[in-house]
Amino acid sequence: DRLALPLREAGLDRVNVSLDTLDPGRFHTLT
């Protein structure tokens, strides 16, 4: 959230973001 714009301005073209669940509780269990 704080690095996306600086990375874009530096020349980054795109990102891949890991996300295995939409449930915050399950996310906590997984990660």
Full PDB file with SEQRES, HELIX, SHEET, SSBOND, CRYST1, ORIGX, SCALE, CONECT and MASTER records, all heavy atoms in Angstrom:
SEQRES   1 A   31  ASP ARG LEU ALA LEU PRO LEU ARG GLU ALA GLY LEU ASP          
SEQRES   2 A   31  ARG VAL ASN VAL SER LEU ASP THR LEU ASP PRO GLY ARG          
SEQRES   3 A   31  PHE HIS THR LEU THR                                          
HELIX    1 AA1 ALA A    4  ALA A   10  1                                   7    
HELIX    2 AA2 PRO A   24  LEU A   30  1                                   7    
CRYST1    1.000    1.000    1.000  90.00  90.00  90.00 P 1           1          
ORIGX1      1.000000  0.000000  0.000000        0.00000                         
ORIGX2      0.000000  1.000000  0.000000        0.00000                         
ORIGX3      0.000000  0.000000  1.000000        0.00000                         
SCALE1      1.000000  0.000000  0.000000        0.00000                         
SCALE2      0.000000  1.000000  0.000000        0.00000                         
SCALE3      0.000000  0.000000  1.000000        0.00000                         
ATOM      1  N   ASP A   1       0.818  -1.208   0.000  1.00  0.00           N  
ATOM      2  CA  ASP A   1       0.000   0.000   0.000  1.00  0.00           C  
ATOM      3  C   ASP A   1       0.857   1.265   0.000  1.00  0.00           C  
ATOM      4  O   ASP A   1       0.472   2.293  -0.556  1.00  0.00           O  
ATOM      5  CB  ASP A   1      -0.962   0.003   1.186  1.00  0.00           C  
ATOM      6  CG  ASP A   1      -0.271  -0.144   2.525  1.00  0.00           C  
ATOM      7  OD1 ASP A   1       0.857  -0.671   2.566  1.00  0.00           O  
ATOM      8  OD2 ASP A   1      -0.858   0.263   3.548  1.00  0.00           O  
ATOM      9  N   ARG A   2       2.060   1.210   0.611  1.00  0.00           N  
ATOM     10  CA  ARG A   2       2.942   2.381   0.617  1.00  0.00           C  
ATOM     11  C   ARG A   2       4.035   2.307  -0.451  1.00  0.00           C  
ATOM     12  O   ARG A   2       4.640   3.322  -0.783  1.00  0.00           O  
ATOM     13  CB  ARG A   2       3.583   2.545   1.996  1.00  0.00           C  
ATOM     14  CG  ARG A   2       4.404   1.383   2.459  1.00  0.00           C  
ATOM     15  CD  ARG A   2       4.995   1.573   3.844  1.00  0.00           C  
ATOM     16  NE  ARG A   2       5.673   0.382   4.330  1.00  0.00           N  
ATOM     17  CZ  ARG A   2       6.891   0.012   3.948  1.00  0.00           C  
ATOM     18  NH1 ARG A   2       7.564   0.753   3.094  1.00  0.00           N  
ATOM     19  NH2 ARG A   2       7.438  -1.092   4.436  1.00  0.00           N  
ATOM     20  N   LEU A   3       4.268   1.126  -1.020  1.00  0.00           N  
ATOM     21  CA  LEU A   3       5.362   0.966  -1.987  1.00  0.00           C  
ATOM     22  C   LEU A   3       4.898   0.892  -3.436  1.00  0.00           C  
ATOM     23  O   LEU A   3       5.715   1.028  -4.350  1.00  0.00           O  
ATOM     24  CB  LEU A   3       6.174  -0.299  -1.659  1.00  0.00           C  
ATOM     25  CG  LEU A   3       7.144  -0.191  -0.484  1.00  0.00           C  
ATOM     26  CD1 LEU A   3       7.741  -1.555  -0.157  1.00  0.00           C  
ATOM     27  CD2 LEU A   3       8.249   0.808  -0.800  1.00  0.00           C  
ATOM     28  N   ALA A   4       3.604   0.670  -3.662  1.00  0.00           N  
ATOM     29  CA  ALA A   4       3.127   0.502  -5.034  1.00  0.00           C  
ATOM     30  C   ALA A   4       3.489   1.704  -5.912  1.00  0.00           C  
ATOM     31  O   ALA A   4       4.025   1.546  -7.015  1.00  0.00           O  
ATOM     32  CB  ALA A   4       1.623   0.257  -5.047  1.00  0.00           C  
ATOM     33  N   LEU A   5       3.203   2.912  -5.439  1.00  0.00           N  
ATOM     34  CA  LEU A   5       3.481   4.096  -6.255  1.00  0.00           C  
ATOM     35  C   LEU A   5       4.978   4.331  -6.439  1.00  0.00           C  
ATOM     36  O   LEU A   5       5.426   4.562  -7.569  1.00  0.00           O  
ATOM     37  CB  LEU A   5       2.803   5.323  -5.646  1.00  0.00           C  
ATOM     38  CG  LEU A   5       2.895   6.610  -6.483  1.00  0.00           C  
ATOM     39  CD1 LEU A   5       2.344   6.388  -7.885  1.00  0.00           C  
ATOM     40  CD2 LEU A   5       2.156   7.751  -5.786  1.00  0.00           C  
ATOM     41  N   PRO A   6       5.811   4.273  -5.371  1.00  0.00           N  
ATOM     42  CA  PRO A   6       7.256   4.426  -5.590  1.00  0.00           C  
ATOM     43  C   PRO A   6       7.825   3.383  -6.541  1.00  0.00           C  
ATOM     44  O   PRO A   6       8.712   3.696  -7.353  1.00  0.00           O  
ATOM     45  CB  PRO A   6       7.838   4.273  -4.180  1.00  0.00           C  
ATOM     46  CG  PRO A   6       6.744   4.693  -3.264  1.00  0.00           C  
ATOM     47  CD  PRO A   6       5.479   4.242  -3.929  1.00  0.00           C  
ATOM     48  N   LEU A   7       7.324   2.159  -6.486  1.00  0.00           N  
ATOM     49  CA  LEU A   7       7.811   1.122  -7.394  1.00  0.00           C  
ATOM     50  C   LEU A   7       7.396   1.427  -8.831  1.00  0.00           C  
ATOM     51  O   LEU A   7       8.176   1.240  -9.769  1.00  0.00           O  
ATOM     52  CB  LEU A   7       7.283  -0.243  -6.967  1.00  0.00           C  
ATOM     53  CG  LEU A   7       7.967  -0.854  -5.730  1.00  0.00           C  
ATOM     54  CD1 LEU A   7       7.191  -2.061  -5.231  1.00  0.00           C  
ATOM     55  CD2 LEU A   7       9.416  -1.245  -6.057  1.00  0.00           C  
ATOM     56  N   ARG A   8       6.173   1.887  -9.002  1.00  0.00           N  
ATOM     57  CA  ARG A   8       5.711   2.258 -10.348  1.00  0.00           C  
ATOM     58  C   ARG A   8       6.554   3.406 -10.898  1.00  0.00           C  
ATOM     59  O   ARG A   8       6.967   3.384 -12.063  1.00  0.00           O  
ATOM     60  CB  ARG A   8       4.237   2.662 -10.294  1.00  0.00           C  
ATOM     61  CG  ARG A   8       3.661   3.102 -11.631  1.00  0.00           C  
ATOM     62  CD  ARG A   8       3.745   1.994 -12.653  1.00  0.00           C  
ATOM     63  NE  ARG A   8       3.041   2.336 -13.877  1.00  0.00           N  
ATOM     64  CZ  ARG A   8       3.207   1.687 -15.033  1.00  0.00           C  
ATOM     65  NH1 ARG A   8       4.071   0.687 -15.118  1.00  0.00           N  
ATOM     66  NH2 ARG A   8       2.530   2.036 -16.089  1.00  0.00           N  
ATOM     67  N   GLU A   9       6.822   4.404 -10.065  1.00  0.00           N  
ATOM     68  CA  GLU A   9       7.638   5.538 -10.509  1.00  0.00           C  
ATOM     69  C   GLU A   9       9.071   5.129 -10.805  1.00  0.00           C  
ATOM     70  O   GLU A   9       9.742   5.730 -11.650  1.00  0.00           O  
ATOM     71  CB  GLU A   9       7.601   6.629  -9.442  1.00  0.00           C  
ATOM     72  CG  GLU A   9       6.228   7.288  -9.306  1.00  0.00           C  
ATOM     73  CD  GLU A   9       6.145   8.252  -8.141  1.00  0.00           C  
ATOM     74  OE1 GLU A   9       7.023   8.178  -7.245  1.00  0.00           O  
ATOM     75  OE2 GLU A   9       5.207   9.077  -8.123  1.00  0.00           O  
ATOM     76  N   ALA A  10       9.543   4.064 -10.143  1.00  0.00           N  
ATOM     77  CA  ALA A  10      10.897   3.564 -10.397  1.00  0.00           C  
ATOM     78  C   ALA A  10      10.987   2.774 -11.697  1.00  0.00           C  
ATOM     79  O   ALA A  10      12.082   2.572 -12.229  1.00  0.00           O  
ATOM     80  CB  ALA A  10      11.355   2.684  -9.234  1.00  0.00           C  
ATOM     81  N   GLY A  11       9.826   2.320 -12.208  1.00  0.00           N  
ATOM     82  CA  GLY A  11       9.825   1.597 -13.466  1.00  0.00           C  
ATOM     83  C   GLY A  11       9.185   0.230 -13.432  1.00  0.00           C  
ATOM     84  O   GLY A  11       9.178  -0.481 -14.441  1.00  0.00           O  
ATOM     85  N   LEU A  12       8.633  -0.179 -12.285  1.00  0.00           N  
ATOM     86  CA  LEU A  12       7.980  -1.478 -12.210  1.00  0.00           C  
ATOM     87  C   LEU A  12       6.746  -1.495 -13.105  1.00  0.00           C  
ATOM     88  O   LEU A  12       5.994  -0.524 -13.156  1.00  0.00           O  
ATOM     89  CB  LEU A  12       7.575  -1.790 -10.766  1.00  0.00           C  
ATOM     90  CG  LEU A  12       7.182  -3.249 -10.492  1.00  0.00           C  
ATOM     91  CD1 LEU A  12       8.400  -4.153 -10.564  1.00  0.00           C  
ATOM     92  CD2 LEU A  12       6.498  -3.386  -9.137  1.00  0.00           C  
ATOM     93  N   ASP A  13       6.541  -2.613 -13.796  1.00  0.00           N  
ATOM     94  CA  ASP A  13       5.405  -2.727 -14.707  1.00  0.00           C  
ATOM     95  C   ASP A  13       4.173  -3.332 -14.050  1.00  0.00           C  
ATOM     96  O   ASP A  13       3.055  -2.888 -14.300  1.00  0.00           O  
ATOM     97  CB  ASP A  13       5.802  -3.565 -15.926  1.00  0.00           C  
ATOM     98  CG  ASP A  13       6.882  -2.881 -16.751  1.00  0.00           C  
ATOM     99  OD1 ASP A  13       6.668  -1.716 -17.142  1.00  0.00           O  
ATOM    100  OD2 ASP A  13       7.936  -3.491 -16.984  1.00  0.00           O  
ATOM    101  N   ARG A  14       4.356  -4.362 -13.221  1.00  0.00           N  
ATOM    102  CA  ARG A  14       3.189  -4.995 -12.613  1.00  0.00           C  
ATOM    103  C   ARG A  14       3.601  -5.821 -11.393  1.00  0.00           C  
ATOM    104  O   ARG A  14       4.788  -5.977 -11.117  1.00  0.00           O  
ATOM    105  CB  ARG A  14       2.431  -5.862 -13.614  1.00  0.00           C  
ATOM    106  CG  ARG A  14       3.215  -7.043 -14.141  1.00  0.00           C  
ATOM    107  CD  ARG A  14       2.348  -7.958 -15.005  1.00  0.00           C  
ATOM    108  NE  ARG A  14       3.033  -9.207 -15.269  1.00  0.00           N  
ATOM    109  CZ  ARG A  14       3.041 -10.232 -14.435  1.00  0.00           C  
ATOM    110  NH1 ARG A  14       2.414 -10.148 -13.271  1.00  0.00           N  
ATOM    111  NH2 ARG A  14       3.681 -11.342 -14.741  1.00  0.00           N  
ATOM    112  N   VAL A  15       2.565  -6.360 -10.703  1.00  0.00           N  
ATOM    113  CA  VAL A  15       2.807  -7.168  -9.501  1.00  0.00           C  
ATOM    114  C   VAL A  15       1.971  -8.445  -9.542  1.00  0.00           C  
ATOM    115  O   VAL A  15       0.894  -8.481 -10.153  1.00  0.00           O  
ATOM    116  CB  VAL A  15       2.471  -6.399  -8.198  1.00  0.00           C  
ATOM    117  CG1 VAL A  15       3.438  -5.263  -7.978  1.00  0.00           C  
ATOM    118  CG2 VAL A  15       1.026  -5.913  -8.210  1.00  0.00           C  
ATOM    119  N   ASN A  16       2.479  -9.468  -8.878  1.00  0.00           N  
ATOM    120  CA  ASN A  16       1.729 -10.680  -8.538  1.00  0.00           C  
ATOM    121  C   ASN A  16       1.621 -10.710  -7.017  1.00  0.00           C  
ATOM    122  O   ASN A  16       2.645 -10.636  -6.330  1.00  0.00           O  
ATOM    123  CB  ASN A  16       2.446 -11.944  -9.004  1.00  0.00           C  
ATOM    124  CG  ASN A  16       2.275 -12.202 -10.486  1.00  0.00           C  
ATOM    125  OD1 ASN A  16       2.293 -11.280 -11.289  1.00  0.00           O  
ATOM    126  ND2 ASN A  16       2.147 -13.458 -10.852  1.00  0.00           N  
ATOM    127  N   VAL A  17       0.402 -10.825  -6.499  1.00  0.00           N  
ATOM    128  CA  VAL A  17       0.183 -10.810  -5.057  1.00  0.00           C  
ATOM    129  C   VAL A  17      -0.414 -12.142  -4.613  1.00  0.00           C  
ATOM    130  O   VAL A  17      -1.412 -12.600  -5.179  1.00  0.00           O  
ATOM    131  CB  VAL A  17      -0.752  -9.654  -4.645  1.00  0.00           C  
ATOM    132  CG1 VAL A  17      -0.985  -9.664  -3.140  1.00  0.00           C  
ATOM    133  CG2 VAL A  17      -0.167  -8.313  -5.091  1.00  0.00           C  
ATOM    134  N   SER A  18       0.179 -12.754  -3.609  1.00  0.00           N  
ATOM    135  CA  SER A  18      -0.322 -14.020  -3.094  1.00  0.00           C  
ATOM    136  C   SER A  18      -1.514 -13.776  -2.158  1.00  0.00           C  
ATOM    137  O   SER A  18      -1.434 -12.968  -1.245  1.00  0.00           O  
ATOM    138  CB  SER A  18       0.779 -14.756  -2.331  1.00  0.00           C  
ATOM    139  OG  SER A  18       1.854 -15.070  -3.192  1.00  0.00           O  
ATOM    140  N   LEU A  19      -2.611 -14.479  -2.403  1.00  0.00           N  
ATOM    141  CA  LEU A  19      -3.792 -14.392  -1.543  1.00  0.00           C  
ATOM    142  C   LEU A  19      -4.536 -15.721  -1.642  1.00  0.00           C  
ATOM    143  O   LEU A  19      -5.053 -16.068  -2.700  1.00  0.00           O  
ATOM    144  CB  LEU A  19      -4.711 -13.247  -1.972  1.00  0.00           C  
ATOM    145  CG  LEU A  19      -5.989 -13.082  -1.144  1.00  0.00           C  
ATOM    146  CD1 LEU A  19      -5.667 -12.697   0.296  1.00  0.00           C  
ATOM    147  CD2 LEU A  19      -6.905 -12.038  -1.772  1.00  0.00           C  
ATOM    148  N   ASP A  20      -4.575 -16.471  -0.542  1.00  0.00           N  
ATOM    149  CA  ASP A  20      -5.144 -17.814  -0.561  1.00  0.00           C  
ATOM    150  C   ASP A  20      -6.548 -17.900   0.013  1.00  0.00           C  
ATOM    151  O   ASP A  20      -7.184 -18.956  -0.069  1.00  0.00           O  
ATOM    152  CB  ASP A  20      -4.237 -18.783   0.220  1.00  0.00           C  
ATOM    153  CG  ASP A  20      -2.861 -18.911  -0.420  1.00  0.00           C  
ATOM    154  OD1 ASP A  20      -2.780 -18.895  -1.659  1.00  0.00           O  
ATOM    155  OD2 ASP A  20      -1.864 -19.020   0.325  1.00  0.00           O  
ATOM    156  N   THR A  21      -7.039 -16.820   0.603  1.00  0.00           N  
ATOM    157  CA  THR A  21      -8.361 -16.862   1.210  1.00  0.00           C  
ATOM    158  C   THR A  21      -8.935 -15.460   1.330  1.00  0.00           C  
ATOM    159  O   THR A  21      -8.200 -14.474   1.430  1.00  0.00           O  
ATOM    160  CB  THR A  21      -8.296 -17.518   2.609  1.00  0.00           C  
ATOM    161  OG1 THR A  21      -9.601 -17.512   3.192  1.00  0.00           O  
ATOM    162  CG2 THR A  21      -7.335 -16.776   3.535  1.00  0.00           C  
ATOM    163  N   LEU A  22     -10.267 -15.385   1.347  1.00  0.00           N  
ATOM    164  CA  LEU A  22     -10.957 -14.120   1.561  1.00  0.00           C  
ATOM    165  C   LEU A  22     -11.384 -13.957   3.013  1.00  0.00           C  
ATOM    166  O   LEU A  22     -11.898 -12.909   3.390  1.00  0.00           O  
ATOM    167  CB  LEU A  22     -12.193 -14.044   0.652  1.00  0.00           C  
ATOM    168  CG  LEU A  22     -11.918 -14.095  -0.849  1.00  0.00           C  
ATOM    169  CD1 LEU A  22     -13.231 -14.104  -1.618  1.00  0.00           C  
ATOM    170  CD2 LEU A  22     -11.048 -12.924  -1.284  1.00  0.00           C  
ATOM    171  N   ASP A  23     -11.160 -14.976   3.813  1.00  0.00           N  
ATOM    172  CA  ASP A  23     -11.583 -14.973   5.209  1.00  0.00           C  
ATOM    173  C   ASP A  23     -10.425 -14.558   6.109  1.00  0.00           C  
ATOM    174  O   ASP A  23      -9.405 -15.253   6.162  1.00  0.00           O  
ATOM    175  CB  ASP A  23     -12.067 -16.369   5.589  1.00  0.00           C  
ATOM    176  CG  ASP A  23     -12.617 -16.437   6.995  1.00  0.00           C  
ATOM    177  OD1 ASP A  23     -11.826 -16.280   7.955  1.00  0.00           O  
ATOM    178  OD2 ASP A  23     -13.834 -16.655   7.156  1.00  0.00           O  
ATOM    179  N   PRO A  24     -10.530 -13.439   6.835  1.00  0.00           N  
ATOM    180  CA  PRO A  24      -9.425 -12.982   7.690  1.00  0.00           C  
ATOM    181  C   PRO A  24      -8.998 -14.011   8.733  1.00  0.00           C  
ATOM    182  O   PRO A  24      -7.803 -14.177   9.003  1.00  0.00           O  
ATOM    183  CB  PRO A  24      -9.979 -11.715   8.355  1.00  0.00           C  
ATOM    184  CG  PRO A  24     -11.032 -11.231   7.420  1.00  0.00           C  
ATOM    185  CD  PRO A  24     -11.647 -12.463   6.833  1.00  0.00           C  
ATOM    186  N   GLY A  25      -9.973 -14.721   9.313  1.00  0.00           N  
ATOM    187  CA  GLY A  25      -9.633 -15.735  10.296  1.00  0.00           C  
ATOM    188  C   GLY A  25      -8.868 -16.886   9.691  1.00  0.00           C  
ATOM    189  O   GLY A  25      -7.896 -17.400  10.262  1.00  0.00           O  
ATOM    190  N   ARG A  26      -9.303 -17.315   8.510  1.00  0.00           N  
ATOM    191  CA  ARG A  26      -8.596 -18.401   7.809  1.00  0.00           C  
ATOM    192  C   ARG A  26      -7.211 -17.934   7.374  1.00  0.00           C  
ATOM    193  O   ARG A  26      -6.251 -18.707   7.403  1.00  0.00           O  
ATOM    194  CB  ARG A  26      -9.439 -18.844   6.617  1.00  0.00           C  
ATOM    195  CG  ARG A  26      -8.915 -20.067   5.910  1.00  0.00           C  
ATOM    196  CD  ARG A  26      -9.867 -20.510   4.807  1.00  0.00           C  
ATOM    197  NE  ARG A  26     -10.990 -21.273   5.346  1.00  0.00           N  
ATOM    198  CZ  ARG A  26     -11.956 -21.809   4.591  1.00  0.00           C  
ATOM    199  NH1 ARG A  26     -11.940 -21.635   3.270  1.00  0.00           N  
ATOM    200  NH2 ARG A  26     -12.934 -22.496   5.143  1.00  0.00           N  
ATOM    201  N   PHE A  27      -7.123 -16.674   6.970  1.00  0.00           N  
ATOM    202  CA  PHE A  27      -5.820 -16.115   6.602  1.00  0.00           C  
ATOM    203  C   PHE A  27      -4.857 -16.213   7.784  1.00  0.00           C  
ATOM    204  O   PHE A  27      -3.693 -16.594   7.626  1.00  0.00           O  
ATOM    205  CB  PHE A  27      -5.987 -14.658   6.176  1.00  0.00           C  
ATOM    206  CG  PHE A  27      -4.710 -13.981   5.749  1.00  0.00           C  
ATOM    207  CD1 PHE A  27      -4.298 -14.004   4.420  1.00  0.00           C  
ATOM    208  CD2 PHE A  27      -3.908 -13.309   6.671  1.00  0.00           C  
ATOM    209  CE1 PHE A  27      -3.122 -13.379   4.021  1.00  0.00           C  
ATOM    210  CE2 PHE A  27      -2.732 -12.688   6.289  1.00  0.00           C  
ATOM    211  CZ  PHE A  27      -2.338 -12.724   4.961  1.00  0.00           C  
ATOM    212  N   HIS A  28      -5.339 -15.879   8.968  1.00  0.00           N  
ATOM    213  CA  HIS A  28      -4.499 -15.945  10.163  1.00  0.00           C  
ATOM    214  C   HIS A  28      -4.051 -17.382  10.423  1.00  0.00           C  
ATOM    215  O   HIS A  28      -2.890 -17.633  10.781  1.00  0.00           O  
ATOM    216  CB  HIS A  28      -5.257 -15.397  11.372  1.00  0.00           C  
ATOM    217  CG  HIS A  28      -4.431 -15.305  12.614  1.00  0.00           C  
ATOM    218  ND1 HIS A  28      -4.280 -16.368  13.482  1.00  0.00           N  
ATOM    219  CD2 HIS A  28      -3.690 -14.289  13.134  1.00  0.00           C  
ATOM    220  CE1 HIS A  28      -3.484 -16.014  14.480  1.00  0.00           C  
ATOM    221  NE2 HIS A  28      -3.116 -14.756  14.292  1.00  0.00           N  
ATOM    222  N   THR A  29      -4.950 -18.324  10.221  1.00  0.00           N  
ATOM    223  CA  THR A  29      -4.594 -19.728  10.418  1.00  0.00           C  
ATOM    224  C   THR A  29      -3.547 -20.179   9.408  1.00  0.00           C  
ATOM    225  O   THR A  29      -2.599 -20.898   9.751  1.00  0.00           O  
ATOM    226  CB  THR A  29      -5.850 -20.618  10.296  1.00  0.00           C  
ATOM    227  OG1 THR A  29      -6.801 -20.230  11.288  1.00  0.00           O  
ATOM    228  CG2 THR A  29      -5.504 -22.085  10.457  1.00  0.00           C  
ATOM    229  N   LEU A  30      -3.698 -19.753   8.160  1.00  0.00           N  
ATOM    230  CA  LEU A  30      -2.782 -20.159   7.096  1.00  0.00           C  
ATOM    231  C   LEU A  30      -1.408 -19.520   7.215  1.00  0.00           C  
ATOM    232  O   LEU A  30      -0.386 -20.164   6.957  1.00  0.00           O  
ATOM    233  CB  LEU A  30      -3.385 -19.797   5.731  1.00  0.00           C  
ATOM    234  CG  LEU A  30      -4.363 -20.788   5.113  1.00  0.00           C  
ATOM    235  CD1 LEU A  30      -5.062 -20.146   3.923  1.00  0.00           C  
ATOM    236  CD2 LEU A  30      -3.634 -22.048   4.678  1.00  0.00           C  
ATOM    237  N   THR A  31      -1.384 -18.245   7.576  1.00  0.00           N  
ATOM    238  CA  THR A  31      -0.130 -17.484   7.546  1.00  0.00           C  
ATOM    239  C   THR A  31       0.469 -17.248   8.929  1.00  0.00           C  
ATOM    240  O   THR A  31       1.594 -16.759   9.038  1.00  0.00           O  
ATOM    241  CB  THR A  31      -0.352 -16.110   6.896  1.00  0.00           C  
ATOM    242  OG1 THR A  31      -1.201 -15.313   7.745  1.00  0.00           O  
ATOM    243  CG2 THR A  31      -0.992 -16.252   5.520  1.00  0.00           C  
TER     244      THR A  31                                                      
MASTER        0    0    0    2    0    0    0    6  243    1    0    3          
END                                                                             
